[in-house]
Amino acid sequence: MNSRQRRGVVLLVVSVLCAVAAFAGVVTVIGNARSEVGPKVTAYQLTKDVPAYTAVTSGQLEKVRIPEKWLPDTAVRDLATVQGMVAAIPLKRGSLLESGMVAARPVLQSGQMEIAIMIDAETGVAGKITPGSKVNIFATFAGKKDTDPDVSKIIVTGARVIDVGEIKAFDKSQDSQRQAAQGVPITFALDAADAQRVAFSESFARHVRLALIAPGDDSAPAAGDRTYTLAGDTGGKR
């Protein structure tokens, strides 16, 4: 091997050593960067604008992976935690979804108020009425005079239940019309007129009962079916 060949071999070895050193340097830099960035976690980013007080759905979000150390503590990592919630403020496309951006859906709508009454535990609830249920509210009144017939009326249709309390004993007074010993406090979201009807019926009706409406049924009883007297019963024939 002559001197020129030896120089070539030396240069080749030096080139290989430099390449190995460069590769090791790159690996070290990548390793250091990964250690500094840390592990990545799942978060959610908005794919479209969401107006305030409208529902935030999975179709408006996309999953992204972000280094955990860069993710705010308030970032939403599990969509189940915001299910059924609405935007608390106008949300912009591209924003990272955070817990402070959403809020529970308002229970009351504009013009509504909460009103709670006691319903007979034995006949009025039967364990099937829960928050979110819709019910028709029936009240039975005695005739004003002995010769007047008793009457049953549907006083409110489609009342939305927002809370069901625990069974408790009725606070009976001398003038109470209640016959049952125990009741359940039921809270409704009603407008002013329906709230008045319910309050009046709780005070003066012999019985106030609830009839559960099937989910998705938005129909209301016909006007002729909202008042019933035994004397006016036609035996189901019209």
C-alpha atoms as a PDB file:
ATOM      1  CA  MET A   1       0.000   0.000   0.000  1.00  0.00           C
ATOM      2  CA  ASN A   2       1.542   3.257  -1.093  1.00  0.00           C
ATOM      3  CA  SER A   3       1.364   6.556   0.780  1.00  0.00           C
ATOM      4  CA  ARG A   4      -1.581   7.848  -1.220  1.00  0.00           C
ATOM      5  CA  GLN A   5      -3.655   4.758  -0.404  1.00  0.00           C
ATOM      6  CA  ARG A   6      -2.736   5.058   3.244  1.00  0.00           C
ATOM      7  CA  ARG A   7      -3.909   8.663   3.303  1.00  0.00           C
ATOM      8  CA  GLY A   8      -7.174   7.583   1.677  1.00  0.00           C
ATOM      9  CA  VAL A   9      -7.739   4.909   4.293  1.00  0.00           C
ATOM     10  CA  VAL A  10      -6.991   7.392   7.080  1.00  0.00           C
ATOM     11  CA  LEU A  11      -9.443   9.936   5.635  1.00  0.00           C
ATOM     12  CA  LEU A  12     -12.122   7.257   5.301  1.00  0.00           C
ATOM     13  CA  VAL A  13     -11.691   6.185   8.912  1.00  0.00           C
ATOM     14  CA  VAL A  14     -11.797   9.799  10.063  1.00  0.00           C
ATOM     15  CA  SER A  15     -14.996  10.378   8.031  1.00  0.00           C
ATOM     16  CA  VAL A  16     -16.639   7.321   9.584  1.00  0.00           C
ATOM     17  CA  LEU A  17     -15.667   8.429  13.078  1.00  0.00           C
ATOM     18  CA  CYS A  18     -17.048  11.924  12.402  1.00  0.00           C
ATOM     19  CA  ALA A  19     -20.300  10.464  11.099  1.00  0.00           C
ATOM     20  CA  VAL A  20     -20.645   8.269  14.192  1.00  0.00           C
ATOM     21  CA  ALA A  21     -19.927  11.241  16.439  1.00  0.00           C
ATOM     22  CA  ALA A  22     -22.487  13.387  14.591  1.00  0.00           C
ATOM     23  CA  PHE A  23     -25.123  10.664  14.866  1.00  0.00           C
ATOM     24  CA  ALA A  24     -24.417  10.275  18.562  1.00  0.00           C
ATOM     25  CA  GLY A  25     -24.730  14.020  18.954  1.00  0.00           C
ATOM     26  CA  VAL A  26     -28.110  14.079  17.202  1.00  0.00           C
ATOM     27  CA  VAL A  27     -29.353  11.209  19.346  1.00  0.00           C
ATOM     28  CA  THR A  28     -28.212  13.029  22.458  1.00  0.00           C
ATOM     29  CA  VAL A  29     -29.937  16.250  21.408  1.00  0.00           C
ATOM     30  CA  ILE A  30     -33.200  14.399  20.651  1.00  0.00           C
ATOM     31  CA  GLY A  31     -32.992  12.560  23.957  1.00  0.00           C
ATOM     32  CA  ASN A  32     -32.402  15.806  25.834  1.00  0.00           C
ATOM     33  CA  ALA A  33     -35.313  17.482  24.008  1.00  0.00           C
ATOM     34  CA  ARG A  34     -37.647  14.613  24.836  1.00  0.00           C
ATOM     35  CA  SER A  35     -36.601  14.642  28.466  1.00  0.00           C
ATOM     36  CA  GLU A  36     -37.183  18.387  28.624  1.00  0.00           C
ATOM     37  CA  VAL A  37     -40.581  18.220  26.858  1.00  0.00           C
ATOM     38  CA  GLY A  38     -41.791  15.203  28.810  1.00  0.00           C
ATOM     39  CA  PRO A  39     -44.637  12.792  27.949  1.00  0.00           C
ATOM     40  CA  LYS A  40     -47.552  13.872  25.783  1.00  0.00           C
ATOM     41  CA  VAL A  41     -51.186  13.684  26.880  1.00  0.00           C
ATOM     42  CA  THR A  42     -54.572  13.985  25.174  1.00  0.00           C
ATOM     43  CA  ALA A  43     -56.431  17.273  25.022  1.00  0.00           C
ATOM     44  CA  TYR A  44     -59.243  18.658  22.835  1.00  0.00           C
ATOM     45  CA  GLN A  45     -59.256  21.539  20.404  1.00  0.00           C
ATOM     46  CA  LEU A  46     -62.282  23.271  18.896  1.00  0.00           C
ATOM     47  CA  THR A  47     -62.783  22.734  15.168  1.00  0.00           C
ATOM     48  CA  LYS A  48     -65.438  25.457  14.845  1.00  0.00           C
ATOM     49  CA  ASP A  49     -66.793  28.494  16.659  1.00  0.00           C
ATOM     50  CA  VAL A  50     -69.348  27.748  19.380  1.00  0.00           C
ATOM     51  CA  PRO A  51     -71.739  30.556  20.444  1.00  0.00           C
ATOM     52  CA  ALA A  52     -72.259  31.150  24.152  1.00  0.00           C
ATOM     53  CA  TYR A  53     -74.951  29.064  25.913  1.00  0.00           C
ATOM     54  CA  THR A  54     -75.062  26.438  23.160  1.00  0.00           C
ATOM     55  CA  ALA A  55     -74.131  22.797  23.657  1.00  0.00           C
ATOM     56  CA  VAL A  56     -70.513  21.695  23.235  1.00  0.00           C
ATOM     57  CA  THR A  57     -70.489  18.356  21.397  1.00  0.00           C
ATOM     58  CA  SER A  58     -67.821  15.874  20.352  1.00  0.00           C
ATOM     59  CA  GLY A  59     -68.427  16.830  16.716  1.00  0.00           C
ATOM     60  CA  GLN A  60     -67.034  20.308  17.454  1.00  0.00           C
ATOM     61  CA  LEU A  61     -63.780  18.960  18.908  1.00  0.00           C
ATOM     62  CA  GLU A  62     -60.707  17.117  17.732  1.00  0.00           C
ATOM     63  CA  LYS A  63     -58.223  15.168  19.803  1.00  0.00           C
ATOM     64  CA  VAL A  64     -54.684  16.565  20.023  1.00  0.00           C
ATOM     65  CA  ARG A  65     -51.499  15.370  21.740  1.00  0.00           C
ATOM     66  CA  ILE A  66     -49.641  17.996  23.761  1.00  0.00           C
ATOM     67  CA  PRO A  67     -46.651  17.715  26.130  1.00  0.00           C
ATOM     68  CA  GLU A  68     -48.069  17.407  29.614  1.00  0.00           C
ATOM     69  CA  LYS A  69     -45.784  20.096  31.031  1.00  0.00           C
ATOM     70  CA  TRP A  70     -47.193  22.635  28.545  1.00  0.00           C
ATOM     71  CA  LEU A  71     -50.846  21.740  29.112  1.00  0.00           C
ATOM     72  CA  PRO A  72     -52.854  24.011  31.470  1.00  0.00           C
ATOM     73  CA  ASP A  73     -54.238  22.311  34.564  1.00  0.00           C
ATOM     74  CA  THR A  74     -57.725  23.408  33.457  1.00  0.00           C
ATOM     75  CA  ALA A  75     -57.490  21.681  30.064  1.00  0.00           C
ATOM     76  CA  VAL A  76     -60.183  19.081  29.437  1.00  0.00           C
ATOM     77  CA  ARG A  77     -58.656  15.614  29.012  1.00  0.00           C
ATOM     78  CA  ASP A  78     -61.845  13.531  29.170  1.00  0.00           C
ATOM     79  CA  LEU A  79     -64.962  14.518  27.198  1.00  0.00           C
ATOM     80  CA  ALA A  80     -67.177  12.725  29.727  1.00  0.00           C
ATOM     81  CA  THR A  81     -66.489  15.547  32.189  1.00  0.00           C
ATOM     82  CA  VAL A  82     -68.162  18.123  29.910  1.00  0.00           C
ATOM     83  CA  GLN A  83     -70.967  15.979  28.517  1.00  0.00           C
ATOM     84  CA  GLY A  84     -74.258  17.872  28.421  1.00  0.00           C
ATOM     85  CA  MET A  85     -72.611  21.223  29.184  1.00  0.00           C
ATOM     86  CA  VAL A  86     -72.867  24.463  27.243  1.00  0.00           C
ATOM     87  CA  ALA A  87     -70.365  27.153  26.287  1.00  0.00           C
ATOM     88  CA  ALA A  88     -70.087  29.710  29.090  1.00  0.00           C
ATOM     89  CA  ILE A  89     -68.585  32.243  26.659  1.00  0.00           C
ATOM     90  CA  PRO A  90     -68.255  32.412  22.859  1.00  0.00           C
ATOM     91  CA  LEU A  91     -65.613  29.810  21.921  1.00  0.00           C
ATOM     92  CA  LYS A  92     -63.277  30.282  18.976  1.00  0.00           C
ATOM     93  CA  ARG A  93     -62.101  27.683  16.494  1.00  0.00           C
ATOM     94  CA  GLY A  94     -58.600  26.422  17.315  1.00  0.00           C
ATOM     95  CA  SER A  95     -58.915  27.111  21.044  1.00  0.00           C
ATOM     96  CA  LEU A  96     -57.915  24.432  23.511  1.00  0.00           C
ATOM     97  CA  LEU A  97     -60.990  23.386  25.509  1.00  0.00           C
ATOM     98  CA  GLU A  98     -60.673  24.239  29.202  1.00  0.00           C
ATOM     99  CA  SER A  99     -63.048  23.556  32.085  1.00  0.00           C
ATOM    100  CA  GLY A 100     -63.739  27.251  32.656  1.00  0.00           C
ATOM    101  CA  MET A 101     -65.093  27.585  29.120  1.00  0.00           C
ATOM    102  CA  VAL A 102     -68.136  25.402  29.786  1.00  0.00           C
ATOM    103  CA  ALA A 103     -70.906  25.330  32.368  1.00  0.00           C
ATOM    104  CA  ALA A 104     -73.827  23.140  33.308  1.00  0.00           C
ATOM    105  CA  ARG A 105     -76.900  23.665  31.158  1.00  0.00           C
ATOM    106  CA  PRO A 106     -79.178  26.216  32.852  1.00  0.00           C
ATOM    107  CA  VAL A 107     -82.009  24.507  34.673  1.00  0.00           C
ATOM    108  CA  LEU A 108     -84.436  27.379  34.265  1.00  0.00           C
ATOM    109  CA  GLN A 109     -85.339  29.014  30.985  1.00  0.00           C
ATOM    110  CA  SER A 110     -86.244  32.645  30.585  1.00  0.00           C
ATOM    111  CA  GLY A 111     -89.550  33.410  32.293  1.00  0.00           C
ATOM    112  CA  GLN A 112     -89.507  30.269  34.438  1.00  0.00           C
ATOM    113  CA  MET A 113     -89.220  29.853  38.182  1.00  0.00           C
ATOM    114  CA  GLU A 114     -88.697  26.966  40.568  1.00  0.00           C
ATOM    115  CA  ILE A 115     -91.601  25.832  42.682  1.00  0.00           C
ATOM    116  CA  ALA A 116     -91.603  22.839  45.020  1.00  0.00           C
ATOM    117  CA  ILE A 117     -94.678  21.076  46.367  1.00  0.00           C
ATOM    118  CA  MET A 118     -95.311  17.949  48.378  1.00  0.00           C
ATOM    119  CA  ILE A 119     -96.797  15.055  46.418  1.00  0.00           C
ATOM    120  CA  ASP A 120     -98.382  12.023  48.091  1.00  0.00           C
ATOM    121  CA  ALA A 121     -95.687   9.357  48.234  1.00  0.00           C
ATOM    122  CA  GLU A 122     -98.170   6.500  47.864  1.00  0.00           C
ATOM    123  CA  THR A 123     -99.963   7.728  44.755  1.00  0.00           C
ATOM    124  CA  GLY A 124     -98.051  10.598  43.223  1.00  0.00           C
ATOM    125  CA  VAL A 125     -94.544   9.388  42.434  1.00  0.00           C
ATOM    126  CA  ALA A 126     -94.150   5.605  42.616  1.00  0.00           C
ATOM    127  CA  GLY A 127     -90.364   5.950  42.246  1.00  0.00           C
ATOM    128  CA  LYS A 128     -90.487   6.509  38.483  1.00  0.00           C
ATOM    129  CA  ILE A 129     -90.282  10.290  38.336  1.00  0.00           C
ATOM    130  CA  THR A 130     -86.756  11.695  38.289  1.00  0.00           C
ATOM    131  CA  PRO A 131     -85.109  15.040  37.459  1.00  0.00           C
ATOM    132  CA  GLY A 132     -85.635  15.700  33.767  1.00  0.00           C
ATOM    133  CA  SER A 133     -88.995  13.906  33.634  1.00  0.00           C
ATOM    134  CA  LYS A 134     -92.026  15.637  32.172  1.00  0.00           C
ATOM    135  CA  VAL A 135     -95.380  15.177  33.862  1.00  0.00           C
ATOM    136  CA  ASN A 136     -98.973  16.288  33.721  1.00  0.00           C
ATOM    137  CA  ILE A 137    -100.213  17.551  37.092  1.00  0.00           C
ATOM    138  CA  PHE A 138    -103.700  16.505  38.211  1.00  0.00           C
ATOM    139  CA  ALA A 139    -105.676  18.019  41.080  1.00  0.00           C
ATOM    140  CA  THR A 140    -108.953  16.774  42.559  1.00  0.00           C
ATOM    141  CA  PHE A 141    -111.277  19.314  44.195  1.00  0.00           C
ATOM    142  CA  ALA A 142    -114.371  18.787  46.312  1.00  0.00           C
ATOM    143  CA  GLY A 143    -117.591  20.459  45.207  1.00  0.00           C
ATOM    144  CA  LYS A 144    -118.243  23.859  46.747  1.00  0.00           C
ATOM    145  CA  LYS A 145    -121.618  22.654  47.994  1.00  0.00           C
ATOM    146  CA  ASP A 146    -122.870  19.231  48.950  1.00  0.00           C
ATOM    147  CA  THR A 147    -124.863  19.138  45.733  1.00  0.00           C
ATOM    148  CA  ASP A 148    -121.880  20.086  43.576  1.00  0.00           C
ATOM    149  CA  PRO A 149    -119.879  17.233  42.048  1.00  0.00           C
ATOM    150  CA  ASP A 150    -116.245  16.620  42.862  1.00  0.00           C
ATOM    151  CA  VAL A 151    -114.013  17.506  39.928  1.00  0.00           C
ATOM    152  CA  SER A 152    -110.608  16.392  38.671  1.00  0.00           C
ATOM    153  CA  LYS A 153    -108.566  18.782  36.554  1.00  0.00           C
ATOM    154  CA  ILE A 154    -105.278  18.672  34.672  1.00  0.00           C
ATOM    155  CA  ILE A 155    -103.898  21.941  35.972  1.00  0.00           C
ATOM    156  CA  VAL A 156    -100.504  21.864  34.186  1.00  0.00           C
ATOM    157  CA  THR A 157     -99.331  19.901  31.162  1.00  0.00           C
ATOM    158  CA  GLY A 158     -95.712  19.068  30.352  1.00  0.00           C
ATOM    159  CA  ALA A 159     -94.270  20.290  33.654  1.00  0.00           C
ATOM    160  CA  ARG A 160     -90.501  19.692  33.825  1.00  0.00           C
ATOM    161  CA  VAL A 161     -89.185  18.104  37.022  1.00  0.00           C
ATOM    162  CA  ILE A 162     -85.832  19.496  38.163  1.00  0.00           C
ATOM    163  CA  ASP A 163     -85.495  17.842  41.562  1.00  0.00           C
ATOM    164  CA  VAL A 164     -87.008  14.993  43.592  1.00  0.00           C
ATOM    165  CA  GLY A 165     -86.477  15.129  47.356  1.00  0.00           C
ATOM    166  CA  GLU A 166     -86.619  12.558  50.129  1.00  0.00           C
ATOM    167  CA  ILE A 167     -89.840  11.106  51.524  1.00  0.00           C
ATOM    168  CA  LYS A 168     -90.985  12.950  54.630  1.00  0.00           C
ATOM    169  CA  ALA A 169     -94.080  13.222  56.787  1.00  0.00           C
ATOM    170  CA  PHE A 170     -96.685  15.822  55.861  1.00  0.00           C
ATOM    171  CA  ASP A 171     -96.973  18.797  58.171  1.00  0.00           C
ATOM    172  CA  LYS A 172    -100.688  18.383  58.784  1.00  0.00           C
ATOM    173  CA  SER A 173    -102.777  21.244  60.057  1.00  0.00           C
ATOM    174  CA  GLN A 174    -106.396  21.339  61.109  1.00  0.00           C
ATOM    175  CA  ASP A 175    -107.446  22.718  57.717  1.00  0.00           C
ATOM    176  CA  SER A 176    -105.300  20.343  55.663  1.00  0.00           C
ATOM    177  CA  GLN A 177    -106.995  18.414  52.883  1.00  0.00           C
ATOM    178  CA  ARG A 178    -104.243  15.795  52.884  1.00  0.00           C
ATOM    179  CA  GLN A 179    -105.180  12.192  53.505  1.00  0.00           C
ATOM    180  CA  ALA A 180    -101.769  10.565  52.999  1.00  0.00           C
ATOM    181  CA  ALA A 181     -99.211  10.476  55.821  1.00  0.00           C
ATOM    182  CA  GLN A 182     -96.046  10.942  53.755  1.00  0.00           C
ATOM    183  CA  GLY A 183     -95.023  12.949  50.742  1.00  0.00           C
ATOM    184  CA  VAL A 184     -92.135  13.724  48.436  1.00  0.00           C
ATOM    185  CA  PRO A 185     -91.049  17.293  47.647  1.00  0.00           C
ATOM    186  CA  ILE A 186     -90.994  17.720  43.875  1.00  0.00           C
ATOM    187  CA  THR A 187     -89.477  20.834  42.294  1.00  0.00           C
ATOM    188  CA  PHE A 188     -90.740  22.026  38.912  1.00  0.00           C
ATOM    189  CA  ALA A 189     -89.600  24.655  36.408  1.00  0.00           C
ATOM    190  CA  LEU A 190     -92.796  26.581  35.562  1.00  0.00           C
ATOM    191  CA  ASP A 191     -93.906  29.934  34.259  1.00  0.00           C
ATOM    192  CA  ALA A 192     -95.763  32.284  36.600  1.00  0.00           C
ATOM    193  CA  ALA A 193     -99.283  31.183  35.611  1.00  0.00           C
ATOM    194  CA  ASP A 194     -98.576  27.459  36.012  1.00  0.00           C
ATOM    195  CA  ALA A 195     -96.748  28.092  39.288  1.00  0.00           C
ATOM    196  CA  GLN A 196     -99.883  29.848  40.583  1.00  0.00           C
ATOM    197  CA  ARG A 197    -102.034  26.891  39.564  1.00  0.00           C
ATOM    198  CA  VAL A 198     -99.745  24.448  41.333  1.00  0.00           C
ATOM    199  CA  ALA A 199     -99.533  26.551  44.500  1.00  0.00           C
ATOM    200  CA  PHE A 200    -103.317  26.928  44.638  1.00  0.00           C
ATOM    201  CA  SER A 201    -103.880  23.228  44.094  1.00  0.00           C
ATOM    202  CA  GLU A 202    -101.413  22.210  46.781  1.00  0.00           C
ATOM    203  CA  SER A 203    -103.292  24.406  49.242  1.00  0.00           C
ATOM    204  CA  PHE A 204    -106.892  23.560  48.351  1.00  0.00           C
ATOM    205  CA  ALA A 205    -107.035  20.310  46.373  1.00  0.00           C
ATOM    206  CA  ARG A 206    -107.870  17.010  48.051  1.00  0.00           C
ATOM    207  CA  HIS A 207    -105.173  15.301  45.995  1.00  0.00           C
ATOM    208  CA  VAL A 208    -102.389  16.419  43.676  1.00  0.00           C
ATOM    209  CA  ARG A 209    -101.003  13.670  41.490  1.00  0.00           C
ATOM    210  CA  LEU A 210     -98.450  13.389  38.717  1.00  0.00           C
ATOM    211  CA  ALA A 211     -98.782  11.469  35.458  1.00  0.00           C
ATOM    212  CA  LEU A 212     -95.479  10.662  33.785  1.00  0.00           C
ATOM    213  CA  ILE A 213     -95.260  11.602  30.098  1.00  0.00           C
ATOM    214  CA  ALA A 214     -93.468   9.213  27.738  1.00  0.00           C
ATOM    215  CA  PRO A 215     -90.032  10.472  26.617  1.00  0.00           C
ATOM    216  CA  GLY A 216     -90.285  12.410  23.360  1.00  0.00           C
ATOM    217  CA  ASP A 217     -94.056  12.865  23.607  1.00  0.00           C
ATOM    218  CA  ASP A 218     -94.798  16.566  23.217  1.00  0.00           C
ATOM    219  CA  SER A 219     -98.532  16.215  22.717  1.00  0.00           C
ATOM    220  CA  ALA A 220    -100.950  17.740  25.226  1.00  0.00           C
ATOM    221  CA  PRO A 221    -104.365  16.444  26.330  1.00  0.00           C
ATOM    222  CA  ALA A 222    -107.299  17.889  24.420  1.00  0.00           C
ATOM    223  CA  ALA A 223    -109.139  20.731  26.125  1.00  0.00           C
ATOM    224  CA  GLY A 224    -112.184  18.515  26.651  1.00  0.00           C
ATOM    225  CA  ASP A 225    -110.092  15.935  28.507  1.00  0.00           C
ATOM    226  CA  ARG A 226    -108.653  18.323  31.081  1.00  0.00           C
ATOM    227  CA  THR A 227    -111.713  18.380  33.365  1.00  0.00           C
ATOM    228  CA  TYR A 228    -113.529  15.302  34.638  1.00  0.00           C
ATOM    229  CA  THR A 229    -116.652  14.757  36.720  1.00  0.00           C
ATOM    230  CA  LEU A 230    -118.324  11.440  37.384  1.00  0.00           C
ATOM    231  CA  ALA A 231    -121.638  12.812  36.250  1.00  0.00           C
ATOM    232  CA  GLY A 232    -120.167  13.909  32.962  1.00  0.00           C
ATOM    233  CA  ASP A 233    -118.424  10.612  32.267  1.00  0.00           C
ATOM    234  CA  THR A 234    -119.647   9.096  29.003  1.00  0.00           C
ATOM    235  CA  GLY A 235    -118.021   5.753  29.579  1.00  0.00           C
ATOM    236  CA  GLY A 236    -115.302   6.366  26.989  1.00  0.00           C
ATOM    237  CA  LYS A 237    -117.801   7.158  24.224  1.00  0.00           C
ATOM    238  CA  ARG A 238    -117.864  10.486  22.501  1.00  0.00           C
END
